[in-house]
């Protein structure tokens, strides 16, 4: 792995780690704001465990903060997946040495 590649990947790791930290803090604040009961309902929706007949009604009940929490979960998932991919890339490049 050349030095530029290593610097690029290291920078990505740092940015992704920082993004994940910020998103976790945002998630915690939103969960506190929404309350345990509503967060549990949103988790069931997010995990797609709601019965289909309830899902449509639930979607109509979503307010601004509910949608922000769901967006935060989506960003967290994407950041974690990206972080894992960068880690795999590091491992592949280092194994070729």
PDB file of N, CA and C in Angstrom:
ATOM      1  N   UNK A   1       0.856  -1.161   0.000  1.00  0.00           N
ATOM      2  CA  UNK A   1       0.000   0.000   0.000  1.00  0.00           C
ATOM      3  C   UNK A   1       0.906   1.229   0.000  1.00  0.00           C
ATOM      4  N   UNK A   2       0.654   2.143  -0.939  1.00  0.00           N
ATOM      5  CA  UNK A   2       1.502   3.329  -0.952  1.00  0.00           C
ATOM      6  C   UNK A   2       1.040   4.322   0.113  1.00  0.00           C
ATOM      7  N   UNK A   3       1.878   5.274   0.374  1.00  0.00           N
ATOM      8  CA  UNK A   3       1.643   6.222   1.469  1.00  0.00           C
ATOM      9  C   UNK A   3       0.369   7.043   1.253  1.00  0.00           C
ATOM     10  N   UNK A   4       0.099   7.445   0.005  1.00  0.00           N
ATOM     11  CA  UNK A   4      -1.111   8.232  -0.280  1.00  0.00           C
ATOM     12  C   UNK A   4      -2.382   7.447   0.011  1.00  0.00           C
ATOM     13  N   UNK A   5      -2.387   6.164  -0.372  1.00  0.00           N
ATOM     14  CA  UNK A   5      -3.542   5.312  -0.093  1.00  0.00           C
ATOM     15  C   UNK A   5      -3.766   5.170   1.405  1.00  0.00           C
ATOM     16  N   UNK A   6      -2.675   4.955   2.113  1.00  0.00           N
ATOM     17  CA  UNK A   6      -2.775   4.785   3.562  1.00  0.00           C
ATOM     18  C   UNK A   6      -3.278   6.066   4.227  1.00  0.00           C
ATOM     19  N   UNK A   7      -2.785   7.210   3.799  1.00  0.00           N
ATOM     20  CA  UNK A   7      -3.252   8.488   4.357  1.00  0.00           C
ATOM     21  C   UNK A   7      -4.728   8.711   4.055  1.00  0.00           C
ATOM     22  N   UNK A   8      -5.139   8.382   2.833  1.00  0.00           N
ATOM     23  CA  UNK A   8      -6.544   8.544   2.451  1.00  0.00           C
ATOM     24  C   UNK A   8      -7.444   7.672   3.320  1.00  0.00           C
ATOM     25  N   UNK A   9      -7.084   6.398   3.451  1.00  0.00           N
ATOM     26  CA  UNK A   9      -7.896   5.485   4.263  1.00  0.00           C
ATOM     27  C   UNK A   9      -7.906   5.892   5.731  1.00  0.00           C
ATOM     28  N   UNK A  10      -6.776   6.338   6.232  1.00  0.00           N
ATOM     29  CA  UNK A  10      -6.710   6.792   7.620  1.00  0.00           C
ATOM     30  C   UNK A  10      -7.617   8.001   7.824  1.00  0.00           C
ATOM     31  N   UNK A  11      -7.611   8.919   6.876  1.00  0.00           N
ATOM     32  CA  UNK A  11      -8.495  10.080   6.949  1.00  0.00           C
ATOM     33  C   UNK A  11      -9.959   9.684   6.917  1.00  0.00           C
ATOM     34  N   UNK A  12     -10.288   8.702   6.066  1.00  0.00           N
ATOM     35  CA  UNK A  12     -11.667   8.211   6.008  1.00  0.00           C
ATOM     36  C   UNK A  12     -12.089   7.609   7.335  1.00  0.00           C
ATOM     37  N   UNK A  13     -11.213   6.816   7.923  1.00  0.00           N
ATOM     38  CA  UNK A  13     -11.511   6.187   9.210  1.00  0.00           C
ATOM     39  C   UNK A  13     -11.788   7.257  10.257  1.00  0.00           C
ATOM     40  N   UNK A  14     -10.944   8.269  10.311  1.00  0.00           N
ATOM     41  CA  UNK A  14     -11.122   9.331  11.305  1.00  0.00           C
ATOM     42  C   UNK A  14     -12.445  10.074  11.081  1.00  0.00           C
ATOM     43  N   UNK A  15     -12.758  10.392   9.834  1.00  0.00           N
ATOM     44  CA  UNK A  15     -13.999  11.094   9.545  1.00  0.00           C
ATOM     45  C   UNK A  15     -15.219  10.242   9.872  1.00  0.00           C
ATOM     46  N   UNK A  16     -15.165   8.971   9.513  1.00  0.00           N
ATOM     47  CA  UNK A  16     -16.285   8.081   9.810  1.00  0.00           C
ATOM     48  C   UNK A  16     -16.456   7.885  11.311  1.00  0.00           C
ATOM     49  N   UNK A  17     -15.354   7.729  12.035  1.00  0.00           N
ATOM     50  CA  UNK A  17     -15.447   7.582  13.491  1.00  0.00           C
ATOM     51  C   UNK A  17     -16.067   8.826  14.122  1.00  0.00           C
ATOM     52  N   UNK A  18     -15.669   9.996  13.662  1.00  0.00           N
ATOM     53  CA  UNK A  18     -16.223  11.249  14.185  1.00  0.00           C
ATOM     54  C   UNK A  18     -17.705  11.361  13.839  1.00  0.00           C
ATOM     55  N   UNK A  19     -18.071  11.000  12.627  1.00  0.00           N
ATOM     56  CA  UNK A  19     -19.482  11.032  12.222  1.00  0.00           C
ATOM     57  C   UNK A  19     -20.315  10.094  13.085  1.00  0.00           C
ATOM     58  N   UNK A  20     -19.788   8.908  13.335  1.00  0.00           N
ATOM     59  CA  UNK A  20     -20.505   7.940  14.166  1.00  0.00           C
ATOM     60  C   UNK A  20     -20.680   8.480  15.576  1.00  0.00           C
ATOM     61  N   UNK A  21     -19.635   9.087  16.131  1.00  0.00           N
ATOM     62  CA  UNK A  21     -19.747   9.667  17.484  1.00  0.00           C
ATOM     63  C   UNK A  21     -20.841  10.736  17.530  1.00  0.00           C
ATOM     64  N   UNK A  22     -20.861  11.621  16.543  1.00  0.00           N
ATOM     65  CA  UNK A  22     -21.870  12.688  16.507  1.00  0.00           C
ATOM     66  C   UNK A  22     -23.274  12.118  16.343  1.00  0.00           C
ATOM     67  N   UNK A  23     -23.407  11.122  15.480  1.00  0.00           N
ATOM     68  CA  UNK A  23     -24.723  10.524  15.261  1.00  0.00           C
ATOM     69  C   UNK A  23     -25.231   9.794  16.502  1.00  0.00           C
ATOM     70  N   UNK A  24     -24.337   9.147  17.231  1.00  0.00           N
ATOM     71  CA  UNK A  24     -24.743   8.467  18.470  1.00  0.00           C
ATOM     72  C   UNK A  24     -25.236   9.485  19.490  1.00  0.00           C
ATOM     73  N   UNK A  25     -24.547  10.621  19.590  1.00  0.00           N
ATOM     74  CA  UNK A  25     -24.994  11.676  20.503  1.00  0.00           C
ATOM     75  C   UNK A  25     -26.353  12.221  20.079  1.00  0.00           C
ATOM     76  N   UNK A  26     -26.529  12.411  18.773  1.00  0.00           N
ATOM     77  CA  UNK A  26     -27.812  12.891  18.255  1.00  0.00           C
ATOM     78  C   UNK A  26     -28.917  11.872  18.535  1.00  0.00           C
ATOM     79  N   UNK A  27     -28.605  10.599  18.323  1.00  0.00           N
ATOM     80  CA  UNK A  27     -29.578   9.541  18.589  1.00  0.00           C
ATOM     81  C   UNK A  27     -29.996   9.557  20.063  1.00  0.00           C
ATOM     82  N   UNK A  28     -29.029   9.672  20.949  1.00  0.00           N
ATOM     83  CA  UNK A  28     -29.332   9.686  22.385  1.00  0.00           C
ATOM     84  C   UNK A  28     -30.242  10.874  22.735  1.00  0.00           C
ATOM     85  N   UNK A  29     -29.924  12.041  22.214  1.00  0.00           N
ATOM     86  CA  UNK A  29     -30.731  13.231  22.500  1.00  0.00           C
ATOM     87  C   UNK A  29     -32.155  13.060  21.972  1.00  0.00           C
ATOM     88  N   UNK A  30     -32.280  12.520  20.775  1.00  0.00           N
ATOM     89  CA  UNK A  30     -33.609  12.319  20.202  1.00  0.00           C
ATOM     90  C   UNK A  30     -34.410  11.277  20.983  1.00  0.00           C
ATOM     91  N   UNK A  31     -33.751  10.203  21.392  1.00  0.00           N
ATOM     92  CA  UNK A  31     -34.438   9.170  22.173  1.00  0.00           C
ATOM     93  C   UNK A  31     -34.926   9.737  23.504  1.00  0.00           C
ATOM     94  N   UNK A  32     -34.121  10.582  24.112  1.00  0.00           N
ATOM     95  CA  UNK A  32     -34.522  11.223  25.365  1.00  0.00           C
ATOM     96  C   UNK A  32     -35.737  12.130  25.125  1.00  0.00           C
ATOM     97  N   UNK A  33     -35.694  12.878  24.055  1.00  0.00           N
ATOM     98  CA  UNK A  33     -36.773  13.801  23.710  1.00  0.00           C
ATOM     99  C   UNK A  33     -38.080  13.056  23.420  1.00  0.00           C
ATOM    100  N   UNK A  34     -37.999  11.933  22.717  1.00  0.00           N
ATOM    101  CA  UNK A  34     -39.189  11.210  22.292  1.00  0.00           C
ATOM    102  C   UNK A  34     -39.763  10.300  23.373  1.00  0.00           C
ATOM    103  N   UNK A  35     -38.932   9.824  24.260  1.00  0.00           N
ATOM    104  CA  UNK A  35     -39.401   8.932  25.312  1.00  0.00           C
ATOM    105  C   UNK A  35     -39.295   7.469  24.911  1.00  0.00           C
ATOM    106  N   UNK A  36     -39.184   6.626  25.921  1.00  0.00           N
ATOM    107  CA  UNK A  36     -38.951   5.200  25.697  1.00  0.00           C
ATOM    108  C   UNK A  36     -40.053   4.523  24.894  1.00  0.00           C
ATOM    109  N   UNK A  37     -41.307   4.846  25.199  1.00  0.00           N
ATOM    110  CA  UNK A  37     -42.423   4.177  24.525  1.00  0.00           C
ATOM    111  C   UNK A  37     -42.421   4.483  23.024  1.00  0.00           C
ATOM    112  N   UNK A  38     -42.242   5.754  22.681  1.00  0.00           N
ATOM    113  CA  UNK A  38     -42.260   6.120  21.264  1.00  0.00           C
ATOM    114  C   UNK A  38     -41.038   5.550  20.548  1.00  0.00           C
ATOM    115  N   UNK A  39     -39.888   5.559  21.192  1.00  0.00           N
ATOM    116  CA  UNK A  39     -38.678   5.002  20.581  1.00  0.00           C
ATOM    117  C   UNK A  39     -38.872   3.514  20.314  1.00  0.00           C
ATOM    118  N   UNK A  40     -39.519   2.815  21.234  1.00  0.00           N
ATOM    119  CA  UNK A  40     -39.773   1.386  21.028  1.00  0.00           C
ATOM    120  C   UNK A  40     -40.674   1.173  19.814  1.00  0.00           C
ATOM    121  N   UNK A  41     -41.706   1.990  19.670  1.00  0.00           N
ATOM    122  CA  UNK A  41     -42.578   1.897  18.488  1.00  0.00           C
ATOM    123  C   UNK A  41     -41.788   2.159  17.208  1.00  0.00           C
ATOM    124  N   UNK A  42     -40.937   3.172  17.249  1.00  0.00           N
ATOM    125  CA  UNK A  42     -40.129   3.513  16.075  1.00  0.00           C
ATOM    126  C   UNK A  42     -39.147   2.399  15.735  1.00  0.00           C
ATOM    127  N   UNK A  43     -38.600   1.740  16.768  1.00  0.00           N
ATOM    128  CA  UNK A  43     -37.684   0.619  16.521  1.00  0.00           C
ATOM    129  C   UNK A  43     -38.417  -0.536  15.838  1.00  0.00           C
ATOM    130  N   UNK A  44     -39.639  -0.791  16.261  1.00  0.00           N
ATOM    131  CA  UNK A  44     -40.420  -1.848  15.615  1.00  0.00           C
ATOM    132  C   UNK A  44     -40.666  -1.499  14.150  1.00  0.00           C
ATOM    133  N   UNK A  45     -40.965  -0.242  13.894  1.00  0.00           N
ATOM    134  CA  UNK A  45     -41.153   0.216  12.517  1.00  0.00           C
ATOM    135  C   UNK A  45     -39.849   0.085  11.746  1.00  0.00           C
ATOM    136  N   UNK A  46     -38.753   0.537  12.323  1.00  0.00           N
ATOM    137  CA  UNK A  46     -37.436   0.496  11.682  1.00  0.00           C
ATOM    138  C   UNK A  46     -37.015  -0.945  11.385  1.00  0.00           C
ATOM    139  N   UNK A  47     -37.277  -1.831  12.329  1.00  0.00           N
ATOM    140  CA  UNK A  47     -36.918  -3.240  12.163  1.00  0.00           C
ATOM    141  C   UNK A  47     -37.917  -3.996  11.288  1.00  0.00           C
ATOM    142  N   UNK A  48     -38.953  -3.313  10.850  1.00  0.00           N
ATOM    143  CA  UNK A  48     -40.008  -3.870  10.000  1.00  0.00           C
ATOM    144  C   UNK A  48     -40.699  -5.056  10.656  1.00  0.00           C
ATOM    145  N   UNK A  49     -41.011  -4.894  11.951  1.00  0.00           N
ATOM    146  CA  UNK A  49     -41.712  -5.959  12.671  1.00  0.00           C
ATOM    147  C   UNK A  49     -43.172  -5.613  12.937  1.00  0.00           C
ATOM    148  N   UNK A  50     -43.606  -4.444  12.473  1.00  0.00           N
ATOM    149  CA  UNK A  50     -45.015  -4.079  12.613  1.00  0.00           C
ATOM    150  C   UNK A  50     -45.850  -4.870  11.600  1.00  0.00           C
ATOM    151  N   UNK A  51     -47.039  -5.299  11.996  1.00  0.00           N
ATOM    152  CA  UNK A  51     -47.932  -5.921  11.006  1.00  0.00           C
ATOM    153  C   UNK A  51     -48.233  -4.923   9.886  1.00  0.00           C
ATOM    154  N   UNK A  52     -48.383  -5.414   8.671  1.00  0.00           N
ATOM    155  CA  UNK A  52     -48.553  -4.515   7.520  1.00  0.00           C
ATOM    156  C   UNK A  52     -49.776  -3.615   7.654  1.00  0.00           C
ATOM    157  N   UNK A  53     -50.841  -4.098   8.277  1.00  0.00           N
ATOM    158  CA  UNK A  53     -52.033  -3.257   8.439  1.00  0.00           C
ATOM    159  C   UNK A  53     -51.772  -2.105   9.413  1.00  0.00           C
ATOM    160  N   UNK A  54     -50.879  -2.289  10.366  1.00  0.00           N
ATOM    161  CA  UNK A  54     -50.539  -1.218  11.309  1.00  0.00           C
ATOM    162  C   UNK A  54     -49.482  -0.277  10.742  1.00  0.00           C
ATOM    163  N   UNK A  55     -48.674  -0.775   9.817  1.00  0.00           N
ATOM    164  CA  UNK A  55     -47.567   0.016   9.299  1.00  0.00           C
ATOM    165  C   UNK A  55     -48.049   1.276   8.589  1.00  0.00           C
ATOM    166  N   UNK A  56     -49.083   1.177   7.779  1.00  0.00           N
ATOM    167  CA  UNK A  56     -49.581   2.358   7.071  1.00  0.00           C
ATOM    168  C   UNK A  56     -50.113   3.413   8.030  1.00  0.00           C
ATOM    169  N   UNK A  57     -50.857   2.979   9.044  1.00  0.00           N
ATOM    170  CA  UNK A  57     -51.344   3.934  10.049  1.00  0.00           C
ATOM    171  C   UNK A  57     -50.182   4.552  10.805  1.00  0.00           C
ATOM    172  N   UNK A  58     -49.188   3.724  11.109  1.00  0.00           N
ATOM    173  CA  UNK A  58     -48.035   4.225  11.846  1.00  0.00           C
ATOM    174  C   UNK A  58     -47.283   5.268  11.031  1.00  0.00           C
ATOM    175  N   UNK A  59     -47.111   5.019   9.738  1.00  0.00           N
ATOM    176  CA  UNK A  59     -46.418   5.983   8.876  1.00  0.00           C
ATOM    177  C   UNK A  59     -47.110   7.339   8.903  1.00  0.00           C
ATOM    178  N   UNK A  60     -48.435   7.323   8.918  1.00  0.00           N
ATOM    179  CA  UNK A  60     -49.182   8.584   8.944  1.00  0.00           C
ATOM    180  C   UNK A  60     -49.025   9.309  10.277  1.00  0.00           C
ATOM    181  N   UNK A  61     -48.668   8.570  11.320  1.00  0.00           N
ATOM    182  CA  UNK A  61     -48.543   9.182  12.649  1.00  0.00           C
ATOM    183  C   UNK A  61     -47.164   9.786  12.905  1.00  0.00           C
ATOM    184  N   UNK A  62     -46.223   9.566  11.987  1.00  0.00           N
ATOM    185  CA  UNK A  62     -44.860  10.059  12.200  1.00  0.00           C
ATOM    186  C   UNK A  62     -44.826  11.581  12.185  1.00  0.00           C
ATOM    187  N   UNK A  63     -44.156  12.148  13.184  1.00  0.00           N
ATOM    188  CA  UNK A  63     -43.971  13.603  13.195  1.00  0.00           C
ATOM    189  C   UNK A  63     -42.520  13.930  12.853  1.00  0.00           C
ATOM    190  N   UNK A  64     -42.191  15.193  12.928  1.00  0.00           N
ATOM    191  CA  UNK A  64     -40.864  15.673  12.537  1.00  0.00           C
ATOM    192  C   UNK A  64     -39.751  14.945  13.289  1.00  0.00           C
ATOM    193  N   UNK A  65     -39.864  14.873  14.619  1.00  0.00           N
ATOM    194  CA  UNK A  65     -38.792  14.284  15.428  1.00  0.00           C
ATOM    195  C   UNK A  65     -38.678  12.787  15.200  1.00  0.00           C
ATOM    196  N   UNK A  66     -39.804  12.125  14.955  1.00  0.00           N
ATOM    197  CA  UNK A  66     -39.767  10.702  14.614  1.00  0.00           C
ATOM    198  C   UNK A  66     -38.941  10.489  13.346  1.00  0.00           C
ATOM    199  N   UNK A  67     -39.211  11.309  12.340  1.00  0.00           N
ATOM    200  CA  UNK A  67     -38.508  11.184  11.063  1.00  0.00           C
ATOM    201  C   UNK A  67     -37.022  11.512  11.207  1.00  0.00           C
ATOM    202  N   UNK A  68     -36.699  12.464  12.064  1.00  0.00           N
ATOM    203  CA  UNK A  68     -35.290  12.801  12.293  1.00  0.00           C
ATOM    204  C   UNK A  68     -34.567  11.623  12.947  1.00  0.00           C
ATOM    205  N   UNK A  69     -35.213  10.944  13.894  1.00  0.00           N
ATOM    206  CA  UNK A  69     -34.584   9.785  14.527  1.00  0.00           C
ATOM    207  C   UNK A  69     -34.383   8.668  13.504  1.00  0.00           C
ATOM    208  N   UNK A  70     -35.364   8.422  12.671  1.00  0.00           N
ATOM    209  CA  UNK A  70     -35.238   7.391  11.639  1.00  0.00           C
ATOM    210  C   UNK A  70     -34.115   7.750  10.668  1.00  0.00           C
ATOM    211  N   UNK A  71     -34.025   9.015  10.305  1.00  0.00           N
ATOM    212  CA  UNK A  71     -32.943   9.478   9.425  1.00  0.00           C
ATOM    213  C   UNK A  71     -31.586   9.252  10.100  1.00  0.00           C
ATOM    214  N   UNK A  72     -31.522   9.530  11.393  1.00  0.00           N
ATOM    215  CA  UNK A  72     -30.282   9.334  12.149  1.00  0.00           C
ATOM    216  C   UNK A  72     -29.889   7.867  12.148  1.00  0.00           C
ATOM    217  N   UNK A  73     -30.858   6.985  12.344  1.00  0.00           N
ATOM    218  CA  UNK A  73     -30.567   5.548  12.301  1.00  0.00           C
ATOM    219  C   UNK A  73     -30.053   5.130  10.921  1.00  0.00           C
ATOM    220  N   UNK A  74     -30.636   5.697   9.869  1.00  0.00           N
ATOM    221  CA  UNK A  74     -30.188   5.370   8.513  1.00  0.00           C
ATOM    222  C   UNK A  74     -28.750   5.851   8.296  1.00  0.00           C
ATOM    223  N   UNK A  75     -28.448   7.051   8.764  1.00  0.00           N
ATOM    224  CA  UNK A  75     -27.086   7.578   8.631  1.00  0.00           C
ATOM    225  C   UNK A  75     -26.094   6.746   9.449  1.00  0.00           C
ATOM    226  N   UNK A  76     -26.509   6.332  10.640  1.00  0.00           N
ATOM    227  CA  UNK A  76     -25.640   5.482  11.462  1.00  0.00           C
ATOM    228  C   UNK A  76     -25.349   4.153  10.769  1.00  0.00           C
ATOM    229  N   UNK A  77     -26.377   3.555  10.202  1.00  0.00           N
ATOM    230  CA  UNK A  77     -26.190   2.280   9.505  1.00  0.00           C
ATOM    231  C   UNK A  77     -25.195   2.454   8.356  1.00  0.00           C
ATOM    232  N   UNK A  78     -25.390   3.510   7.580  1.00  0.00           N
ATOM    233  CA  UNK A  78     -24.512   3.758   6.440  1.00  0.00           C
ATOM    234  C   UNK A  78     -23.078   4.036   6.902  1.00  0.00           C
ATOM    235  N   UNK A  79     -22.925   4.816   7.971  1.00  0.00           N
ATOM    236  CA  UNK A  79     -21.587   5.128   8.484  1.00  0.00           C
ATOM    237  C   UNK A  79     -20.893   3.869   9.005  1.00  0.00           C
ATOM    238  N   UNK A  80     -21.624   3.026   9.722  1.00  0.00           N
ATOM    239  CA  UNK A  80     -21.040   1.776  10.227  1.00  0.00           C
ATOM    240  C   UNK A  80     -20.646   0.856   9.074  1.00  0.00           C
ATOM    241  N   UNK A  81     -21.507   0.767   8.055  1.00  0.00           N
ATOM    242  CA  UNK A  81     -21.184  -0.072   6.895  1.00  0.00           C
ATOM    243  C   UNK A  81     -19.952   0.457   6.166  1.00  0.00           C
ATOM    244  N   UNK A  82     -19.877   1.761   5.997  1.00  0.00           N
ATOM    245  CA  UNK A  82     -18.715   2.366   5.332  1.00  0.00           C
ATOM    246  C   UNK A  82     -17.453   2.125   6.143  1.00  0.00           C
ATOM    247  N   UNK A  83     -17.563   2.269   7.450  1.00  0.00           N
ATOM    248  CA  UNK A  83     -16.405   2.060   8.338  1.00  0.00           C
ATOM    249  C   UNK A  83     -15.915   0.619   8.227  1.00  0.00           C
ATOM    250  N   UNK A  84     -16.853  -0.321   8.171  1.00  0.00           N
ATOM    251  CA  UNK A  84     -16.481  -1.730   8.032  1.00  0.00           C
ATOM    252  C   UNK A  84     -15.786  -1.979   6.694  1.00  0.00           C
ATOM    253  N   UNK A  85     -16.274  -1.355   5.636  1.00  0.00           N
ATOM    254  CA  UNK A  85     -15.663  -1.524   4.314  1.00  0.00           C
ATOM    255  C   UNK A  85     -14.241  -0.965   4.287  1.00  0.00           C
ATOM    256  N   UNK A  86     -14.033   0.184   4.923  1.00  0.00           N
ATOM    257  CA  UNK A  86     -12.686   0.758   4.978  1.00  0.00           C
ATOM    258  C   UNK A  86     -11.761  -0.174   5.753  1.00  0.00           C
ATOM    259  N   UNK A  87     -12.266  -0.738   6.835  1.00  0.00           N
ATOM    260  CA  UNK A  87     -11.469  -1.689   7.615  1.00  0.00           C
ATOM    261  C   UNK A  87     -11.090  -2.913   6.787  1.00  0.00           C
ATOM    262  N   UNK A  88     -12.049  -3.424   6.002  1.00  0.00           N
ATOM    263  CA  UNK A  88     -11.757  -4.569   5.139  1.00  0.00           C
ATOM    264  C   UNK A  88     -10.696  -4.203   4.098  1.00  0.00           C
ATOM    265  N   UNK A  89     -10.826  -3.006   3.542  1.00  0.00           N
ATOM    266  CA  UNK A  89      -9.845  -2.549   2.551  1.00  0.00           C
ATOM    267  C   UNK A  89      -8.458  -2.468   3.157  1.00  0.00           C
ATOM    268  N   UNK A  90      -8.368  -1.924   4.374  1.00  0.00           N
ATOM    269  CA  UNK A  90      -7.081  -1.858   5.077  1.00  0.00           C
ATOM    270  C   UNK A  90      -6.497  -3.272   5.247  1.00  0.00           C
ATOM    271  N   UNK A  91      -7.338  -4.198   5.661  1.00  0.00           N
ATOM    272  CA  UNK A  91      -6.862  -5.556   5.902  1.00  0.00           C
ATOM    273  C   UNK A  91      -6.388  -6.208   4.611  1.00  0.00           C
ATOM    274  N   UNK A  92      -7.131  -6.011   3.521  1.00  0.00           N
ATOM    275  CA  UNK A  92      -6.741  -6.606   2.245  1.00  0.00           C
ATOM    276  C   UNK A  92      -5.405  -6.033   1.768  1.00  0.00           C
ATOM    277  N   UNK A  93      -5.274  -4.716   1.870  1.00  0.00           N
ATOM    278  CA  UNK A  93      -4.040  -4.082   1.413  1.00  0.00           C
ATOM    279  C   UNK A  93      -2.855  -4.491   2.260  1.00  0.00           C
ATOM    280  N   UNK A  94      -3.069  -4.602   3.570  1.00  0.00           N
ATOM    281  CA  UNK A  94      -1.975  -4.998   4.452  1.00  0.00           C
ATOM    282  C   UNK A  94      -1.606  -6.467   4.314  1.00  0.00           C
ATOM    283  N   UNK A  95      -2.565  -7.297   3.919  1.00  0.00           N
ATOM    284  CA  UNK A  95      -2.268  -8.724   3.772  1.00  0.00           C
ATOM    285  C   UNK A  95      -1.413  -8.988   2.535  1.00  0.00           C
ATOM    286  N   UNK A  96      -1.413  -8.048   1.603  1.00  0.00           N
ATOM    287  CA  UNK A  96      -0.619  -8.202   0.375  1.00  0.00           C
ATOM    288  C   UNK A  96       0.840  -7.820   0.594  1.00  0.00           C
ATOM    289  N   UNK A  97       1.132  -7.273   1.771  1.00  0.00           N
ATOM    290  CA  UNK A  97       2.518  -6.867   2.038  1.00  0.00           C
ATOM    291  C   UNK A  97       3.397  -8.034   2.383  1.00  0.00           C
TER     292      UNK A  97
END
